[in-house]
Amino acid sequence: MTYRRWFLVGVVFAVIGALIAAFAIFYGNFSPRGFVEDRYRRAAAQDIGSDAVAFTSTKNPSTVAQEVSDAWKPADQYVDGSGVYLRYDDDSVVILPLAAGSLILLERLNTAYPRYHSTVGSHWGWGRGNTVRGGGPGSGK
C-alpha cells in the first residue's frame, strides 16, 4: 500500500511540474527580445525590412533603456544624442527618440552591428559578452 501512495505523490508532483513549465513557456520572457515583445506596442510600419522589428513606447529612450537593462543586463551599451544602443549575445535593442516617446528596434546582432557600426563601432565589443581584444596575458599589444 505504501508503494501506491508514493506513486500517487509522484504523479501529483509531475503534474504540478508540467503546469509550471507550461506557464513559464507561454507567459515568460526568456530574452531581451521576449521582454520587449511583452512590454511595448508593436509598430510594424516602422520595421526596417525583415531585419529590425519595431516597437514603440510613450516613455523616453533612457527610461525604456533602463527598464530593458534592469530586466536583462546588456553585454555592452552605448548612449549618445541619437539614441541608446544595447548589445546582447545574439540581439541588439536600439532605442531611438520619437516626438512622443521612443522607437524600439529589435535586431539580430549580425545585421545590427553593420547597420550601426558608424555609431557604436568603437564602443560595442564583439562576441558573447567579451570585448574585441578578449583578455589574458599580452592582450591589447
N, C-alpha and C. Protein backbone atom coordinates (compact mmCIF):
# COMPACT_ATOMS: atom_id res chain seq x y z
N MET A 1 0.81 -1.19 0.00
CA MET A 1 0.00 0.00 0.00
C MET A 1 0.86 1.26 0.00
N THR A 2 2.02 1.26 0.60
CA THR A 2 2.87 2.44 0.64
C THR A 2 3.42 2.77 -0.74
N TYR A 3 3.66 1.73 -1.56
CA TYR A 3 4.14 2.00 -2.92
C TYR A 3 3.10 2.76 -3.73
N ARG A 4 1.85 2.38 -3.55
CA ARG A 4 0.76 3.05 -4.27
C ARG A 4 0.69 4.52 -3.85
N ARG A 5 0.85 4.80 -2.58
CA ARG A 5 0.80 6.17 -2.08
C ARG A 5 1.96 6.98 -2.66
N TRP A 6 3.16 6.40 -2.67
CA TRP A 6 4.32 7.12 -3.23
C TRP A 6 4.15 7.36 -4.72
N PHE A 7 3.57 6.38 -5.41
CA PHE A 7 3.30 6.56 -6.84
C PHE A 7 2.34 7.72 -7.06
N LEU A 8 1.29 7.79 -6.26
CA LEU A 8 0.31 8.87 -6.38
C LEU A 8 0.95 10.23 -6.09
N VAL A 9 1.80 10.31 -5.07
CA VAL A 9 2.51 11.56 -4.75
C VAL A 9 3.42 11.96 -5.92
N GLY A 10 4.10 11.00 -6.50
CA GLY A 10 4.96 11.28 -7.65
C GLY A 10 4.19 11.82 -8.84
N VAL A 11 3.03 11.23 -9.11
CA VAL A 11 2.19 11.69 -10.22
C VAL A 11 1.70 13.11 -9.97
N VAL A 12 1.31 13.41 -8.75
CA VAL A 12 0.85 14.76 -8.41
C VAL A 12 1.97 15.77 -8.64
N PHE A 13 3.18 15.45 -8.17
CA PHE A 13 4.31 16.37 -8.37
C PHE A 13 4.65 16.53 -9.85
N ALA A 14 4.55 15.47 -10.63
CA ALA A 14 4.83 15.55 -12.07
C ALA A 14 3.82 16.46 -12.76
N VAL A 15 2.55 16.34 -12.39
CA VAL A 15 1.51 17.19 -12.99
C VAL A 15 1.74 18.65 -12.61
N ILE A 16 2.06 18.92 -11.35
CA ILE A 16 2.35 20.29 -10.92
C ILE A 16 3.55 20.84 -11.68
N GLY A 17 4.60 20.05 -11.83
CA GLY A 17 5.78 20.49 -12.58
C GLY A 17 5.46 20.80 -14.03
N ALA A 18 4.63 19.97 -14.65
CA ALA A 18 4.25 20.20 -16.04
C ALA A 18 3.44 21.49 -16.18
N LEU A 19 2.56 21.76 -15.23
CA LEU A 19 1.78 23.00 -15.27
C LEU A 19 2.68 24.23 -15.10
N ILE A 20 3.63 24.16 -14.21
CA ILE A 20 4.56 25.28 -14.01
C ILE A 20 5.40 25.50 -15.27
N ALA A 21 5.88 24.43 -15.87
CA ALA A 21 6.68 24.55 -17.10
C ALA A 21 5.85 25.15 -18.23
N ALA A 22 4.61 24.72 -18.38
CA ALA A 22 3.74 25.26 -19.44
C ALA A 22 3.49 26.74 -19.22
N PHE A 23 3.23 27.13 -17.98
CA PHE A 23 3.02 28.54 -17.66
C PHE A 23 4.26 29.36 -18.00
N ALA A 24 5.43 28.87 -17.64
CA ALA A 24 6.68 29.60 -17.91
C ALA A 24 6.92 29.74 -19.41
N ILE A 25 6.61 28.71 -20.17
CA ILE A 25 6.84 28.76 -21.62
C ILE A 25 5.90 29.77 -22.28
N PHE A 26 4.64 29.76 -21.89
CA PHE A 26 3.66 30.61 -22.56
C PHE A 26 3.63 32.04 -22.04
N TYR A 27 4.03 32.26 -20.79
CA TYR A 27 3.90 33.59 -20.21
C TYR A 27 5.22 34.22 -19.79
N GLY A 28 6.30 33.49 -19.92
CA GLY A 28 7.60 34.03 -19.51
C GLY A 28 8.30 34.71 -20.67
N ASN A 29 9.29 35.55 -20.34
CA ASN A 29 10.13 36.09 -21.39
C ASN A 29 11.56 35.72 -21.02
N PHE A 30 12.20 35.00 -21.90
CA PHE A 30 13.48 34.40 -21.62
C PHE A 30 14.62 35.09 -22.34
N SER A 31 14.38 36.30 -22.82
CA SER A 31 15.41 37.03 -23.54
C SER A 31 15.02 38.50 -23.58
N PRO A 32 15.97 39.37 -23.92
CA PRO A 32 15.60 40.77 -24.10
C PRO A 32 14.52 40.93 -25.18
N ARG A 33 14.60 40.11 -26.20
CA ARG A 33 13.61 40.14 -27.28
C ARG A 33 12.22 39.86 -26.72
N GLY A 34 12.09 38.83 -25.92
CA GLY A 34 10.80 38.49 -25.32
C GLY A 34 10.31 39.58 -24.38
N PHE A 35 11.23 40.21 -23.65
CA PHE A 35 10.86 41.29 -22.74
C PHE A 35 10.26 42.46 -23.52
N VAL A 36 10.92 42.86 -24.60
CA VAL A 36 10.43 43.98 -25.42
C VAL A 36 9.09 43.60 -26.06
N GLU A 37 8.98 42.40 -26.59
CA GLU A 37 7.74 41.98 -27.23
C GLU A 37 6.57 41.98 -26.25
N ASP A 38 6.85 41.65 -24.99
CA ASP A 38 5.79 41.60 -23.97
C ASP A 38 5.40 42.98 -23.44
N ARG A 39 6.33 43.92 -23.45
CA ARG A 39 6.12 45.20 -22.76
C ARG A 39 5.71 46.37 -23.65
N TYR A 40 6.08 46.34 -24.92
CA TYR A 40 5.91 47.52 -25.75
C TYR A 40 4.99 47.24 -26.94
N ARG A 41 4.45 48.30 -27.51
CA ARG A 41 3.47 48.21 -28.59
C ARG A 41 4.17 47.97 -29.94
N ARG A 42 3.70 46.97 -30.65
CA ARG A 42 4.25 46.62 -31.96
C ARG A 42 3.95 47.73 -32.95
N ALA A 43 4.95 48.08 -33.79
CA ALA A 43 4.79 49.14 -34.80
C ALA A 43 5.37 48.62 -36.12
N ALA A 44 4.64 47.73 -36.75
CA ALA A 44 5.12 47.05 -37.97
C ALA A 44 5.48 48.04 -39.08
N ALA A 45 4.82 49.17 -39.14
CA ALA A 45 5.11 50.17 -40.18
C ALA A 45 6.51 50.75 -40.02
N GLN A 46 7.10 50.64 -38.84
CA GLN A 46 8.44 51.17 -38.58
C GLN A 46 9.54 50.12 -38.74
N ASP A 47 9.19 48.87 -39.08
CA ASP A 47 10.19 47.82 -39.28
C ASP A 47 11.21 48.25 -40.33
N ILE A 48 12.42 47.78 -40.19
CA ILE A 48 13.46 48.01 -41.20
C ILE A 48 13.60 46.69 -41.96
N GLY A 49 12.89 46.60 -43.07
CA GLY A 49 12.88 45.38 -43.86
C GLY A 49 12.45 44.20 -43.00
N SER A 50 13.13 43.07 -43.19
CA SER A 50 12.85 41.90 -42.36
C SER A 50 13.88 41.77 -41.25
N ASP A 51 14.81 42.74 -41.16
CA ASP A 51 15.89 42.66 -40.18
C ASP A 51 15.52 43.20 -38.80
N ALA A 52 14.94 44.38 -38.74
CA ALA A 52 14.67 45.03 -37.46
C ALA A 52 13.16 45.13 -37.24
N VAL A 53 12.70 44.56 -36.13
CA VAL A 53 11.29 44.58 -35.76
C VAL A 53 11.08 45.76 -34.82
N ALA A 54 10.07 46.59 -35.12
CA ALA A 54 9.87 47.85 -34.39
C ALA A 54 8.74 47.78 -33.37
N PHE A 55 8.97 48.50 -32.27
CA PHE A 55 8.00 48.67 -31.21
C PHE A 55 8.04 50.13 -30.80
N THR A 56 7.01 50.61 -30.12
CA THR A 56 7.02 51.98 -29.63
C THR A 56 6.64 52.02 -28.16
N SER A 57 7.01 53.12 -27.54
CA SER A 57 6.65 53.39 -26.15
C SER A 57 6.43 54.88 -26.01
N THR A 58 5.57 55.26 -25.08
CA THR A 58 5.37 56.67 -24.78
C THR A 58 6.45 57.20 -23.85
N LYS A 59 7.29 56.32 -23.34
CA LYS A 59 8.38 56.71 -22.42
C LYS A 59 9.59 57.17 -23.23
N ASN A 60 10.44 57.99 -22.61
CA ASN A 60 11.64 58.46 -23.31
C ASN A 60 12.67 57.33 -23.42
N PRO A 61 13.63 57.45 -24.36
CA PRO A 61 14.59 56.38 -24.58
C PRO A 61 15.38 55.96 -23.34
N SER A 62 15.77 56.89 -22.49
CA SER A 62 16.56 56.50 -21.31
C SER A 62 15.71 55.68 -20.34
N THR A 63 14.43 55.98 -20.22
CA THR A 63 13.56 55.20 -19.34
C THR A 63 13.36 53.79 -19.89
N VAL A 64 13.11 53.69 -21.19
CA VAL A 64 12.94 52.37 -21.82
C VAL A 64 14.24 51.57 -21.68
N ALA A 65 15.37 52.21 -21.93
CA ALA A 65 16.66 51.52 -21.81
C ALA A 65 16.88 51.01 -20.39
N GLN A 66 16.50 51.81 -19.41
CA GLN A 66 16.65 51.39 -18.01
C GLN A 66 15.76 50.19 -17.70
N GLU A 67 14.53 50.19 -18.21
CA GLU A 67 13.63 49.06 -17.99
C GLU A 67 14.18 47.78 -18.61
N VAL A 68 14.66 47.88 -19.85
CA VAL A 68 15.21 46.70 -20.53
C VAL A 68 16.49 46.24 -19.84
N SER A 69 17.35 47.18 -19.49
CA SER A 69 18.63 46.83 -18.84
C SER A 69 18.43 46.26 -17.44
N ASP A 70 17.42 46.73 -16.72
CA ASP A 70 17.13 46.17 -15.40
C ASP A 70 16.68 44.72 -15.51
N ALA A 71 15.91 44.41 -16.55
CA ALA A 71 15.41 43.04 -16.75
C ALA A 71 16.49 42.14 -17.35
N TRP A 72 17.27 42.66 -18.29
CA TRP A 72 18.29 41.89 -18.99
C TRP A 72 19.55 42.74 -19.13
N LYS A 73 20.58 42.41 -18.39
CA LYS A 73 21.82 43.18 -18.41
C LYS A 73 22.50 43.04 -19.78
N PRO A 74 22.74 44.15 -20.46
CA PRO A 74 23.39 44.07 -21.77
C PRO A 74 24.88 43.77 -21.63
N ALA A 75 25.44 43.15 -22.66
CA ALA A 75 26.88 42.90 -22.70
C ALA A 75 27.62 44.21 -22.94
N ASP A 76 27.03 45.10 -23.70
CA ASP A 76 27.57 46.44 -23.97
C ASP A 76 26.42 47.41 -24.15
N GLN A 77 26.71 48.68 -23.87
CA GLN A 77 25.70 49.72 -24.02
C GLN A 77 26.40 50.99 -24.49
N TYR A 78 25.75 51.69 -25.40
CA TYR A 78 26.28 52.97 -25.87
C TYR A 78 25.12 53.95 -25.94
N VAL A 79 25.34 55.15 -25.42
CA VAL A 79 24.32 56.18 -25.41
C VAL A 79 24.91 57.45 -26.02
N ASP A 80 24.18 58.05 -26.95
CA ASP A 80 24.56 59.37 -27.47
C ASP A 80 23.27 60.11 -27.82
N GLY A 81 23.40 61.25 -28.45
CA GLY A 81 22.25 62.06 -28.78
C GLY A 81 21.27 61.40 -29.73
N SER A 82 21.73 60.39 -30.47
CA SER A 82 20.85 59.73 -31.44
C SER A 82 20.00 58.63 -30.81
N GLY A 83 20.41 58.11 -29.64
CA GLY A 83 19.64 57.05 -29.01
C GLY A 83 20.46 56.22 -28.05
N VAL A 84 19.87 55.09 -27.66
CA VAL A 84 20.51 54.14 -26.74
C VAL A 84 20.67 52.83 -27.50
N TYR A 85 21.86 52.26 -27.46
CA TYR A 85 22.19 51.06 -28.21
C TYR A 85 22.62 49.98 -27.23
N LEU A 86 21.82 48.92 -27.10
CA LEU A 86 22.12 47.83 -26.19
C LEU A 86 22.52 46.60 -26.99
N ARG A 87 23.65 46.00 -26.62
CA ARG A 87 24.12 44.78 -27.30
C ARG A 87 24.00 43.61 -26.35
N TYR A 88 23.40 42.54 -26.84
CA TYR A 88 23.29 41.28 -26.11
C TYR A 88 24.04 40.22 -26.89
N ASP A 89 24.04 38.99 -26.41
CA ASP A 89 24.79 37.93 -27.07
C ASP A 89 24.41 37.77 -28.54
N ASP A 90 23.13 37.70 -28.82
CA ASP A 90 22.66 37.46 -30.19
C ASP A 90 21.83 38.59 -30.76
N ASP A 91 21.36 39.47 -29.91
CA ASP A 91 20.42 40.51 -30.32
C ASP A 91 20.93 41.90 -29.95
N SER A 92 20.31 42.88 -30.59
CA SER A 92 20.52 44.27 -30.19
C SER A 92 19.15 44.88 -29.94
N VAL A 93 19.13 45.84 -29.02
CA VAL A 93 17.92 46.63 -28.77
C VAL A 93 18.36 48.08 -28.96
N VAL A 94 17.84 48.71 -29.99
CA VAL A 94 18.18 50.11 -30.29
C VAL A 94 16.96 50.95 -29.98
N ILE A 95 17.15 51.95 -29.14
CA ILE A 95 16.04 52.78 -28.68
C ILE A 95 16.29 54.21 -29.16
N LEU A 96 15.44 54.67 -30.06
CA LEU A 96 15.60 55.98 -30.68
C LEU A 96 14.48 56.91 -30.22
N PRO A 97 14.77 58.19 -30.11
CA PRO A 97 13.72 59.13 -29.68
C PRO A 97 12.70 59.38 -30.78
N LEU A 98 11.44 59.48 -30.36
CA LEU A 98 10.34 59.92 -31.22
C LEU A 98 9.76 61.17 -30.59
N ALA A 99 8.96 61.90 -31.33
CA ALA A 99 8.35 63.11 -30.79
C ALA A 99 7.56 62.82 -29.52
N ALA A 100 6.90 61.68 -29.48
CA ALA A 100 6.08 61.33 -28.32
C ALA A 100 6.52 60.00 -27.72
N GLY A 101 7.81 59.86 -27.41
CA GLY A 101 8.28 58.63 -26.80
C GLY A 101 9.49 58.04 -27.47
N SER A 102 9.43 56.73 -27.72
CA SER A 102 10.59 56.01 -28.24
C SER A 102 10.21 55.01 -29.31
N LEU A 103 11.14 54.80 -30.24
CA LEU A 103 11.07 53.72 -31.21
C LEU A 103 12.09 52.68 -30.75
N ILE A 104 11.64 51.45 -30.58
CA ILE A 104 12.50 50.37 -30.10
C ILE A 104 12.66 49.38 -31.24
N LEU A 105 13.89 49.14 -31.65
CA LEU A 105 14.18 48.23 -32.75
C LEU A 105 14.90 46.99 -32.22
N LEU A 106 14.32 45.83 -32.48
CA LEU A 106 14.94 44.55 -32.14
C LEU A 106 15.58 43.99 -33.39
N GLU A 107 16.84 43.63 -33.29
CA GLU A 107 17.53 43.14 -34.47
C GLU A 107 18.61 42.15 -34.07
N ARG A 108 18.82 41.17 -34.90
CA ARG A 108 19.91 40.22 -34.68
C ARG A 108 21.22 40.99 -34.74
N LEU A 109 22.17 40.59 -33.92
CA LEU A 109 23.44 41.29 -33.84
C LEU A 109 24.20 41.27 -35.17
N ASN A 110 24.07 40.19 -35.92
CA ASN A 110 24.82 40.09 -37.18
C ASN A 110 24.34 41.07 -38.25
N THR A 111 23.13 41.63 -38.13
CA THR A 111 22.70 42.69 -39.05
C THR A 111 22.74 44.06 -38.39
N ALA A 112 22.58 44.10 -37.06
CA ALA A 112 22.59 45.39 -36.35
C ALA A 112 23.98 46.00 -36.31
N TYR A 113 24.99 45.19 -36.09
CA TYR A 113 26.35 45.73 -35.96
C TYR A 113 26.78 46.46 -37.22
N PRO A 114 26.61 45.87 -38.41
CA PRO A 114 26.96 46.63 -39.62
C PRO A 114 26.11 47.89 -39.81
N ARG A 115 24.84 47.82 -39.45
CA ARG A 115 23.94 48.97 -39.62
C ARG A 115 24.36 50.14 -38.73
N TYR A 116 24.74 49.85 -37.49
CA TYR A 116 25.06 50.91 -36.53
C TYR A 116 26.55 51.05 -36.26
N HIS A 117 27.37 50.44 -37.07
CA HIS A 117 28.82 50.46 -36.84
C HIS A 117 29.38 51.88 -36.77
N SER A 118 28.88 52.79 -37.58
CA SER A 118 29.41 54.15 -37.57
C SER A 118 29.12 54.84 -36.23
N THR A 119 28.12 54.37 -35.51
CA THR A 119 27.79 54.95 -34.20
C THR A 119 28.45 54.18 -33.06
N VAL A 120 28.36 52.86 -33.08
CA VAL A 120 28.81 52.06 -31.94
C VAL A 120 30.11 51.29 -32.19
N GLY A 121 30.68 51.42 -33.38
CA GLY A 121 31.83 50.61 -33.78
C GLY A 121 32.98 50.58 -32.79
N SER A 122 33.34 51.69 -32.21
CA SER A 122 34.46 51.70 -31.27
C SER A 122 33.98 51.52 -29.83
N HIS A 123 32.69 51.33 -29.62
CA HIS A 123 32.15 51.22 -28.27
C HIS A 123 31.62 49.83 -27.95
N TRP A 124 30.95 49.20 -28.92
CA TRP A 124 30.45 47.85 -28.69
C TRP A 124 31.59 46.88 -28.86
N GLY A 125 31.74 45.95 -27.94
CA GLY A 125 32.66 44.84 -28.15
C GLY A 125 32.00 43.87 -29.11
N TRP A 126 32.68 42.83 -29.45
CA TRP A 126 32.13 41.84 -30.36
C TRP A 126 32.24 40.48 -29.72
N GLY A 127 31.26 39.64 -29.88
CA GLY A 127 31.27 38.30 -29.33
C GLY A 127 30.34 38.19 -28.14
N ARG A 128 30.37 37.10 -27.49
CA ARG A 128 29.45 36.81 -26.40
C ARG A 128 29.91 37.44 -25.09
N GLY A 129 29.58 38.71 -24.93
CA GLY A 129 29.87 39.38 -23.69
C GLY A 129 31.32 39.77 -23.52
N ASN A 130 32.13 39.61 -24.54
CA ASN A 130 33.54 39.95 -24.47
C ASN A 130 33.80 41.22 -25.25
N THR A 131 34.92 41.82 -24.99
CA THR A 131 35.32 42.94 -25.80
C THR A 131 36.06 42.42 -27.01
N VAL A 132 36.43 43.31 -27.91
CA VAL A 132 37.09 42.89 -29.14
C VAL A 132 38.43 42.23 -28.84
N ARG A 133 39.15 42.75 -27.87
CA ARG A 133 40.51 42.26 -27.61
C ARG A 133 40.53 40.94 -26.86
N GLY A 134 39.51 40.62 -26.13
CA GLY A 134 39.46 39.33 -25.47
C GLY A 134 39.98 39.34 -24.06
N GLY A 135 41.24 39.46 -23.84
CA GLY A 135 41.80 39.44 -22.50
C GLY A 135 42.89 38.41 -22.38
N GLY A 136 43.43 38.30 -21.19
CA GLY A 136 44.52 37.35 -20.96
C GLY A 136 45.85 38.04 -21.09
N PRO A 137 46.92 37.29 -20.85
CA PRO A 137 48.26 37.87 -20.90
C PRO A 137 48.58 38.46 -22.28
N GLY A 138 49.08 39.66 -22.28
CA GLY A 138 49.51 40.29 -23.53
C GLY A 138 48.39 40.83 -24.37
N SER A 139 47.17 40.86 -23.85
CA SER A 139 46.07 41.36 -24.67
C SER A 139 46.23 42.85 -24.90
N GLY A 140 45.83 43.28 -26.08
CA GLY A 140 45.89 44.68 -26.42
C GLY A 140 47.25 45.13 -26.93
N LYS A 141 48.19 44.21 -27.05
CA LYS A 141 49.52 44.58 -27.55
C LYS A 141 49.62 44.37 -29.03
